[in-house]
Every structure is written in structure tokens, then in C-alpha cells.
Amino acid sequence: MTKTPPPQSQDELERQIAQQREELANTVDALQAKFDVKAKAKHKAGELRQQPVLVGGVAFAAIALVALVIWRRRR
């Protein structure tokens, strides 16, 4: 935090308090967004739905890997 000079008047003190409250609220909001895992997961899932080629490629790779493992075990 930065040090601020002592307030010169009641109005100045109230202004500083309001500013500090706003900064604290912004910090709390940022921390809440950072640790909201559920919201991050939903956002990432939405991004992946926008890229059907990527999702299809990943699904194909997973199926191919499972098929390869099964084929190798049967040999």
C-alpha cells in the first residue's frame, strides 16, 4: 500500500476512506474471480465448444489410443 498524507479536512478523510473501500472491493473481486474454479471450468468448456475441430481431434486421438492398447494386448 502507498502511504497517504494525513487528511486536511473531514471531506478529505471521507474521500480517502471511500477510495480505500473501492480499492479493497476491487481486490476482493479479483481474488474471488481468481479462485472461482467452477466459473473457470465453465468458461474453458465454453471455449472448447467453440472449437469443434479441436474437440473432434482430441476424441479421435483418445479412441485411437484405446484401440491401439486393445490391439496390442490381443497380440
N, C-alpha and C. Protein backbone atom coordinates (compact mmCIF):
# COMPACT_ATOMS: atom_id res chain seq x y z
N MET A 1 0.83 -1.18 0.00
CA MET A 1 0.00 0.00 0.00
C MET A 1 0.88 1.24 0.00
N THR A 2 0.32 2.28 -0.54
CA THR A 2 1.06 3.54 -0.54
C THR A 2 0.62 4.38 0.65
N LYS A 3 1.58 5.08 1.19
CA LYS A 3 1.27 5.96 2.32
C LYS A 3 0.67 7.25 1.77
N THR A 4 -0.39 7.68 2.40
CA THR A 4 -1.01 8.94 2.02
C THR A 4 -0.82 9.93 3.16
N PRO A 5 -0.69 11.20 2.81
CA PRO A 5 -0.52 12.19 3.88
C PRO A 5 -1.79 12.27 4.72
N PRO A 6 -1.66 12.72 5.94
CA PRO A 6 -2.85 12.84 6.79
C PRO A 6 -3.86 13.79 6.15
N PRO A 7 -5.15 13.50 6.33
CA PRO A 7 -6.17 14.35 5.72
C PRO A 7 -6.16 15.76 6.31
N GLN A 8 -6.48 16.71 5.46
CA GLN A 8 -6.52 18.10 5.89
C GLN A 8 -7.89 18.48 6.46
N SER A 9 -8.92 17.74 6.02
CA SER A 9 -10.27 18.09 6.47
C SER A 9 -11.12 16.83 6.56
N GLN A 10 -12.31 16.99 7.09
CA GLN A 10 -13.26 15.88 7.19
C GLN A 10 -13.61 15.35 5.80
N ASP A 11 -13.81 16.24 4.83
CA ASP A 11 -14.14 15.84 3.46
C ASP A 11 -13.01 15.02 2.85
N GLU A 12 -11.78 15.45 3.11
CA GLU A 12 -10.62 14.74 2.58
C GLU A 12 -10.54 13.34 3.20
N LEU A 13 -10.79 13.23 4.48
CA LEU A 13 -10.78 11.94 5.16
C LEU A 13 -11.85 11.02 4.58
N GLU A 14 -13.05 11.54 4.38
CA GLU A 14 -14.12 10.73 3.79
C GLU A 14 -13.78 10.29 2.38
N ARG A 15 -13.14 11.15 1.61
CA ARG A 15 -12.73 10.80 0.25
C ARG A 15 -11.69 9.68 0.26
N GLN A 16 -10.74 9.78 1.18
CA GLN A 16 -9.72 8.74 1.29
C GLN A 16 -10.34 7.41 1.71
N ILE A 17 -11.27 7.44 2.63
CA ILE A 17 -11.94 6.21 3.07
C ILE A 17 -12.71 5.58 1.92
N ALA A 18 -13.42 6.40 1.16
CA ALA A 18 -14.19 5.88 0.01
C ALA A 18 -13.24 5.28 -1.02
N GLN A 19 -12.11 5.91 -1.26
CA GLN A 19 -11.14 5.39 -2.22
C GLN A 19 -10.56 4.06 -1.74
N GLN A 20 -10.24 3.97 -0.47
CA GLN A 20 -9.69 2.73 0.07
C GLN A 20 -10.72 1.61 0.04
N ARG A 21 -11.99 1.93 0.30
CA ARG A 21 -13.04 0.92 0.20
C ARG A 21 -13.17 0.40 -1.22
N GLU A 22 -13.09 1.30 -2.19
CA GLU A 22 -13.19 0.90 -3.59
C GLU A 22 -12.01 0.01 -3.99
N GLU A 23 -10.81 0.37 -3.55
CA GLU A 23 -9.63 -0.45 -3.84
C GLU A 23 -9.75 -1.83 -3.19
N LEU A 24 -10.24 -1.87 -1.97
CA LEU A 24 -10.42 -3.15 -1.28
C LEU A 24 -11.47 -4.01 -1.98
N ALA A 25 -12.56 -3.38 -2.41
CA ALA A 25 -13.60 -4.12 -3.13
C ALA A 25 -13.05 -4.69 -4.43
N ASN A 26 -12.24 -3.92 -5.15
CA ASN A 26 -11.62 -4.41 -6.39
C ASN A 26 -10.69 -5.58 -6.11
N THR A 27 -9.94 -5.50 -5.03
CA THR A 27 -9.03 -6.58 -4.67
C THR A 27 -9.80 -7.84 -4.31
N VAL A 28 -10.86 -7.70 -3.55
CA VAL A 28 -11.69 -8.86 -3.18
C VAL A 28 -12.31 -9.48 -4.42
N ASP A 29 -12.81 -8.65 -5.33
CA ASP A 29 -13.40 -9.17 -6.57
C ASP A 29 -12.37 -9.93 -7.40
N ALA A 30 -11.16 -9.39 -7.48
CA ALA A 30 -10.10 -10.05 -8.25
C ALA A 30 -9.74 -11.40 -7.62
N LEU A 31 -9.64 -11.45 -6.30
CA LEU A 31 -9.32 -12.70 -5.62
C LEU A 31 -10.45 -13.72 -5.80
N GLN A 32 -11.67 -13.25 -5.70
CA GLN A 32 -12.81 -14.15 -5.87
C GLN A 32 -12.82 -14.74 -7.28
N ALA A 33 -12.56 -13.92 -8.28
CA ALA A 33 -12.52 -14.42 -9.66
C ALA A 33 -11.36 -15.40 -9.85
N LYS A 34 -10.24 -15.13 -9.21
CA LYS A 34 -9.07 -15.99 -9.37
C LYS A 34 -9.30 -17.37 -8.79
N PHE A 35 -10.03 -17.46 -7.69
CA PHE A 35 -10.22 -18.74 -7.01
C PHE A 35 -11.57 -19.40 -7.30
N ASP A 36 -12.33 -18.86 -8.24
CA ASP A 36 -13.62 -19.45 -8.61
C ASP A 36 -13.38 -20.52 -9.67
N VAL A 37 -13.08 -21.74 -9.22
CA VAL A 37 -12.71 -22.83 -10.11
C VAL A 37 -13.88 -23.23 -10.99
N LYS A 38 -15.07 -23.25 -10.43
CA LYS A 38 -16.25 -23.66 -11.19
C LYS A 38 -16.48 -22.72 -12.38
N ALA A 39 -16.37 -21.42 -12.15
CA ALA A 39 -16.56 -20.46 -13.24
C ALA A 39 -15.46 -20.59 -14.29
N LYS A 40 -14.23 -20.83 -13.85
CA LYS A 40 -13.13 -21.02 -14.80
C LYS A 40 -13.37 -22.25 -15.66
N ALA A 41 -13.83 -23.33 -15.05
CA ALA A 41 -14.08 -24.56 -15.79
C ALA A 41 -15.20 -24.36 -16.81
N LYS A 42 -16.25 -23.68 -16.42
CA LYS A 42 -17.34 -23.40 -17.36
C LYS A 42 -16.86 -22.55 -18.53
N HIS A 43 -16.03 -21.57 -18.22
CA HIS A 43 -15.51 -20.69 -19.27
C HIS A 43 -14.63 -21.49 -20.25
N LYS A 44 -13.78 -22.35 -19.71
CA LYS A 44 -12.90 -23.15 -20.56
C LYS A 44 -13.72 -24.13 -21.40
N ALA A 45 -14.75 -24.73 -20.82
CA ALA A 45 -15.60 -25.64 -21.56
C ALA A 45 -16.32 -24.90 -22.68
N GLY A 46 -16.74 -23.69 -22.43
CA GLY A 46 -17.37 -22.88 -23.47
C GLY A 46 -16.41 -22.57 -24.60
N GLU A 47 -15.16 -22.29 -24.25
CA GLU A 47 -14.15 -22.04 -25.29
C GLU A 47 -13.93 -23.29 -26.14
N LEU A 48 -13.87 -24.44 -25.50
CA LEU A 48 -13.63 -25.67 -26.24
C LEU A 48 -14.81 -26.02 -27.15
N ARG A 49 -16.02 -25.69 -26.71
CA ARG A 49 -17.19 -25.95 -27.56
C ARG A 49 -17.15 -25.10 -28.82
N GLN A 50 -16.47 -23.97 -28.75
CA GLN A 50 -16.35 -23.10 -29.92
C GLN A 50 -15.33 -23.64 -30.92
N GLN A 51 -14.58 -24.64 -30.53
CA GLN A 51 -13.55 -25.23 -31.40
C GLN A 51 -13.86 -26.70 -31.63
N PRO A 52 -14.87 -27.02 -32.44
CA PRO A 52 -15.27 -28.42 -32.62
C PRO A 52 -14.18 -29.27 -33.27
N VAL A 53 -13.33 -28.68 -34.09
CA VAL A 53 -12.25 -29.44 -34.72
C VAL A 53 -11.28 -29.94 -33.65
N LEU A 54 -10.97 -29.10 -32.70
CA LEU A 54 -10.06 -29.49 -31.62
C LEU A 54 -10.68 -30.60 -30.78
N VAL A 55 -11.95 -30.44 -30.43
CA VAL A 55 -12.63 -31.45 -29.62
C VAL A 55 -12.69 -32.77 -30.39
N GLY A 56 -13.00 -32.69 -31.67
CA GLY A 56 -13.04 -33.90 -32.50
C GLY A 56 -11.68 -34.55 -32.60
N GLY A 57 -10.65 -33.76 -32.73
CA GLY A 57 -9.29 -34.30 -32.80
C GLY A 57 -8.88 -34.99 -31.52
N VAL A 58 -9.21 -34.39 -30.40
CA VAL A 58 -8.89 -34.99 -29.10
C VAL A 58 -9.67 -36.29 -28.93
N ALA A 59 -10.94 -36.29 -29.30
CA ALA A 59 -11.76 -37.50 -29.19
C ALA A 59 -11.19 -38.60 -30.10
N PHE A 60 -10.82 -38.24 -31.31
CA PHE A 60 -10.24 -39.22 -32.24
C PHE A 60 -8.95 -39.80 -31.67
N ALA A 61 -8.09 -38.95 -31.12
CA ALA A 61 -6.83 -39.40 -30.55
C ALA A 61 -7.07 -40.35 -29.38
N ALA A 62 -8.04 -40.04 -28.54
CA ALA A 62 -8.34 -40.90 -27.40
C ALA A 62 -8.86 -42.26 -27.87
N ILE A 63 -9.74 -42.26 -28.86
CA ILE A 63 -10.28 -43.52 -29.39
C ILE A 63 -9.17 -44.33 -30.04
N ALA A 64 -8.29 -43.67 -30.79
CA ALA A 64 -7.19 -44.36 -31.45
C ALA A 64 -6.25 -44.98 -30.41
N LEU A 65 -6.00 -44.26 -29.33
CA LEU A 65 -5.12 -44.78 -28.28
C LEU A 65 -5.73 -46.00 -27.61
N VAL A 66 -7.01 -45.95 -27.31
CA VAL A 66 -7.69 -47.10 -26.70
C VAL A 66 -7.66 -48.29 -27.66
N ALA A 67 -7.92 -48.05 -28.93
CA ALA A 67 -7.91 -49.13 -29.92
C ALA A 67 -6.51 -49.74 -30.03
N LEU A 68 -5.48 -48.91 -30.01
CA LEU A 68 -4.11 -49.41 -30.09
C LEU A 68 -3.77 -50.28 -28.88
N VAL A 69 -4.17 -49.85 -27.70
CA VAL A 69 -3.89 -50.62 -26.48
C VAL A 69 -4.60 -51.98 -26.54
N ILE A 70 -5.86 -51.96 -26.96
CA ILE A 70 -6.61 -53.24 -27.07
C ILE A 70 -5.97 -54.14 -28.11
N TRP A 71 -5.59 -53.59 -29.25
CA TRP A 71 -4.98 -54.38 -30.32
C TRP A 71 -3.66 -55.00 -29.86
N ARG A 72 -2.85 -54.22 -29.14
CA ARG A 72 -1.55 -54.74 -28.67
C ARG A 72 -1.71 -55.82 -27.61
N ARG A 73 -2.71 -55.71 -26.77
CA ARG A 73 -2.93 -56.72 -25.75
C ARG A 73 -3.41 -58.05 -26.35
N ARG A 74 -4.12 -57.98 -27.44
CA ARG A 74 -4.64 -59.20 -28.06
C ARG A 74 -3.56 -59.92 -28.87
N ARG A 75 -2.48 -59.29 -29.18
CA ARG A 75 -1.43 -59.91 -29.98
C ARG A 75 -0.54 -60.76 -29.15
